[in-house]
N, C-alpha and C. Protein backbone atom coordinates (compact mmCIF):
# COMPACT_ATOMS: atom_id res chain seq x y z
N UNK A 1 -44.61 5.57 86.72
CA UNK A 1 -43.96 6.77 87.22
C UNK A 1 -44.97 7.89 87.40
N UNK A 2 -44.66 8.81 88.25
CA UNK A 2 -45.52 9.95 88.52
C UNK A 2 -45.19 11.06 87.53
N UNK A 3 -46.21 11.78 87.10
CA UNK A 3 -46.04 12.82 86.08
C UNK A 3 -44.90 13.78 86.43
N UNK A 4 -43.88 13.81 85.57
CA UNK A 4 -42.77 14.74 85.71
C UNK A 4 -41.70 14.32 86.70
N UNK A 5 -41.89 13.24 87.41
CA UNK A 5 -40.90 12.78 88.39
C UNK A 5 -40.14 11.60 87.80
N UNK A 6 -38.82 11.69 87.82
CA UNK A 6 -37.96 10.62 87.30
C UNK A 6 -37.89 9.50 88.33
N UNK A 7 -38.12 8.27 87.86
CA UNK A 7 -38.16 7.11 88.74
C UNK A 7 -37.16 6.07 88.22
N UNK A 8 -36.28 5.54 89.09
CA UNK A 8 -35.38 4.46 88.65
C UNK A 8 -36.19 3.26 88.15
N UNK A 9 -35.65 2.56 87.16
CA UNK A 9 -36.38 1.47 86.53
C UNK A 9 -35.43 0.34 86.19
N UNK A 10 -35.88 -0.88 86.34
CA UNK A 10 -35.12 -2.04 85.89
C UNK A 10 -36.07 -2.97 85.14
N UNK A 11 -35.71 -3.24 83.88
CA UNK A 11 -36.48 -4.18 83.06
C UNK A 11 -35.49 -5.25 82.62
N UNK A 12 -35.62 -6.44 83.18
CA UNK A 12 -34.65 -7.48 82.88
C UNK A 12 -33.26 -7.02 83.29
N UNK A 13 -32.35 -6.96 82.32
CA UNK A 13 -30.98 -6.52 82.60
C UNK A 13 -30.80 -5.03 82.36
N UNK A 14 -31.83 -4.36 81.94
CA UNK A 14 -31.74 -2.93 81.62
C UNK A 14 -32.05 -2.10 82.85
N UNK A 15 -31.13 -1.20 83.20
CA UNK A 15 -31.38 -0.26 84.28
C UNK A 15 -31.43 1.13 83.68
N UNK A 16 -32.44 1.88 84.04
CA UNK A 16 -32.59 3.23 83.50
C UNK A 16 -33.52 4.04 84.36
N UNK A 17 -34.25 4.93 83.71
CA UNK A 17 -35.23 5.77 84.39
C UNK A 17 -36.52 5.79 83.58
N UNK A 18 -37.61 6.07 84.27
CA UNK A 18 -38.88 6.26 83.58
C UNK A 18 -39.50 7.56 84.08
N UNK A 19 -40.30 8.16 83.24
CA UNK A 19 -41.03 9.35 83.65
C UNK A 19 -42.25 9.49 82.75
N UNK A 20 -43.28 10.06 83.32
CA UNK A 20 -44.48 10.34 82.54
C UNK A 20 -44.58 11.86 82.37
N UNK A 21 -45.32 12.26 81.36
CA UNK A 21 -45.43 13.68 81.05
C UNK A 21 -46.80 13.94 80.45
N UNK A 22 -47.16 15.20 80.43
CA UNK A 22 -48.47 15.60 79.93
C UNK A 22 -48.33 16.92 79.19
N UNK A 23 -48.91 16.98 78.03
CA UNK A 23 -48.89 18.19 77.21
C UNK A 23 -50.10 18.12 76.31
N UNK A 24 -49.89 18.17 75.01
CA UNK A 24 -50.99 17.98 74.08
C UNK A 24 -51.57 16.58 74.28
N UNK A 25 -50.69 15.60 74.52
CA UNK A 25 -51.08 14.23 74.87
C UNK A 25 -50.35 13.83 76.14
N UNK A 26 -50.84 12.79 76.80
CA UNK A 26 -50.11 12.21 77.91
C UNK A 26 -49.14 11.18 77.36
N UNK A 27 -48.06 10.98 78.07
CA UNK A 27 -47.09 10.00 77.60
C UNK A 27 -46.23 9.48 78.72
N UNK A 28 -45.46 8.47 78.36
CA UNK A 28 -44.52 7.86 79.28
C UNK A 28 -43.26 7.53 78.50
N UNK A 29 -42.12 7.73 79.12
CA UNK A 29 -40.84 7.46 78.46
C UNK A 29 -39.94 6.65 79.38
N UNK A 30 -39.09 5.85 78.75
CA UNK A 30 -38.08 5.07 79.44
C UNK A 30 -36.74 5.40 78.78
N UNK A 31 -35.74 5.74 79.58
CA UNK A 31 -34.42 6.09 79.05
C UNK A 31 -33.37 5.22 79.75
N UNK A 32 -32.38 4.79 78.94
CA UNK A 32 -31.29 4.01 79.50
C UNK A 32 -30.06 4.17 78.61
N UNK A 33 -28.91 3.80 79.16
CA UNK A 33 -27.64 3.88 78.43
C UNK A 33 -27.28 2.49 77.95
N UNK A 34 -26.77 2.42 76.72
CA UNK A 34 -26.27 1.15 76.18
C UNK A 34 -25.12 1.44 75.24
N UNK A 35 -23.98 0.84 75.52
CA UNK A 35 -22.77 1.03 74.70
C UNK A 35 -22.44 2.50 74.48
N UNK A 36 -22.54 3.29 75.54
CA UNK A 36 -22.18 4.70 75.46
C UNK A 36 -23.22 5.59 74.80
N UNK A 37 -24.40 5.06 74.53
CA UNK A 37 -25.46 5.85 73.88
C UNK A 37 -26.69 5.87 74.77
N UNK A 38 -27.44 6.95 74.70
CA UNK A 38 -28.70 7.06 75.43
C UNK A 38 -29.82 6.62 74.50
N UNK A 39 -30.63 5.69 74.97
CA UNK A 39 -31.77 5.18 74.20
C UNK A 39 -33.03 5.54 74.97
N UNK A 40 -34.02 6.08 74.26
CA UNK A 40 -35.29 6.47 74.87
C UNK A 40 -36.43 5.84 74.09
N UNK A 41 -37.33 5.20 74.81
CA UNK A 41 -38.56 4.68 74.23
C UNK A 41 -39.72 5.45 74.82
N UNK A 42 -40.67 5.85 74.00
CA UNK A 42 -41.81 6.65 74.48
C UNK A 42 -43.10 6.14 73.89
N UNK A 43 -44.16 6.36 74.63
CA UNK A 43 -45.51 6.04 74.16
C UNK A 43 -46.42 7.21 74.54
N UNK A 44 -47.32 7.57 73.64
CA UNK A 44 -48.34 8.57 73.96
C UNK A 44 -49.68 7.87 74.08
N UNK A 45 -50.56 8.46 74.85
CA UNK A 45 -51.83 7.80 75.14
C UNK A 45 -52.94 8.79 75.40
N UNK A 46 -54.15 8.31 75.20
CA UNK A 46 -55.33 9.07 75.61
C UNK A 46 -55.81 8.59 76.97
N UNK A 47 -55.77 7.26 77.18
CA UNK A 47 -56.17 6.65 78.45
C UNK A 47 -55.11 5.62 78.85
N UNK A 48 -54.84 5.47 80.13
CA UNK A 48 -53.84 4.49 80.58
C UNK A 48 -54.18 3.06 80.17
N UNK A 49 -55.42 2.79 79.86
CA UNK A 49 -55.85 1.45 79.47
C UNK A 49 -55.75 1.21 77.97
N UNK A 50 -55.26 2.18 77.20
CA UNK A 50 -55.13 2.04 75.75
C UNK A 50 -54.25 0.84 75.42
N UNK A 51 -54.59 0.11 74.36
CA UNK A 51 -53.83 -1.07 73.95
C UNK A 51 -52.36 -0.74 73.69
N UNK A 52 -52.09 0.45 73.17
CA UNK A 52 -50.70 0.82 72.85
C UNK A 52 -49.83 0.86 74.11
N UNK A 53 -50.42 1.16 75.26
CA UNK A 53 -49.66 1.17 76.51
C UNK A 53 -49.23 -0.25 76.87
N UNK A 54 -50.15 -1.21 76.71
CA UNK A 54 -49.80 -2.62 76.95
C UNK A 54 -48.75 -3.09 75.96
N UNK A 55 -48.90 -2.72 74.70
CA UNK A 55 -47.93 -3.11 73.67
C UNK A 55 -46.55 -2.53 73.97
N UNK A 56 -46.50 -1.28 74.42
CA UNK A 56 -45.23 -0.63 74.76
C UNK A 56 -44.55 -1.37 75.90
N UNK A 57 -45.30 -1.74 76.92
CA UNK A 57 -44.75 -2.49 78.04
C UNK A 57 -44.19 -3.83 77.59
N UNK A 58 -44.92 -4.52 76.73
CA UNK A 58 -44.44 -5.81 76.21
C UNK A 58 -43.17 -5.63 75.38
N UNK A 59 -43.14 -4.59 74.57
CA UNK A 59 -41.96 -4.31 73.75
C UNK A 59 -40.74 -4.06 74.64
N UNK A 60 -40.90 -3.23 75.68
CA UNK A 60 -39.79 -2.96 76.56
C UNK A 60 -39.34 -4.23 77.29
N UNK A 61 -40.27 -5.08 77.70
CA UNK A 61 -39.92 -6.32 78.39
C UNK A 61 -39.18 -7.30 77.47
N UNK A 62 -39.46 -7.24 76.17
CA UNK A 62 -38.87 -8.20 75.24
C UNK A 62 -37.52 -7.78 74.70
N UNK A 63 -37.07 -6.57 74.99
CA UNK A 63 -35.80 -6.09 74.45
C UNK A 63 -34.62 -6.90 74.97
N UNK A 64 -33.72 -7.23 74.06
CA UNK A 64 -32.47 -7.90 74.41
C UNK A 64 -31.34 -7.11 73.77
N UNK A 65 -30.45 -6.58 74.57
CA UNK A 65 -29.37 -5.73 74.08
C UNK A 65 -28.08 -6.53 73.95
N UNK A 66 -27.32 -6.23 72.90
CA UNK A 66 -26.02 -6.89 72.69
C UNK A 66 -24.93 -5.85 72.63
């Protein structure tokens, strides 16, 4: 996603939005609704190539909601 711009997102069966942001640190967030609740996952980073960014992507891809 582009900094500050909300982008539609689909990960597996999950449909939501993603957006990146910048402040003290750069970050990226994914938000979606599940069972009437809003769930947000976020990661902060120093560089887009940081291992935590890859781990966050894998975590989001592996989610299974019931």
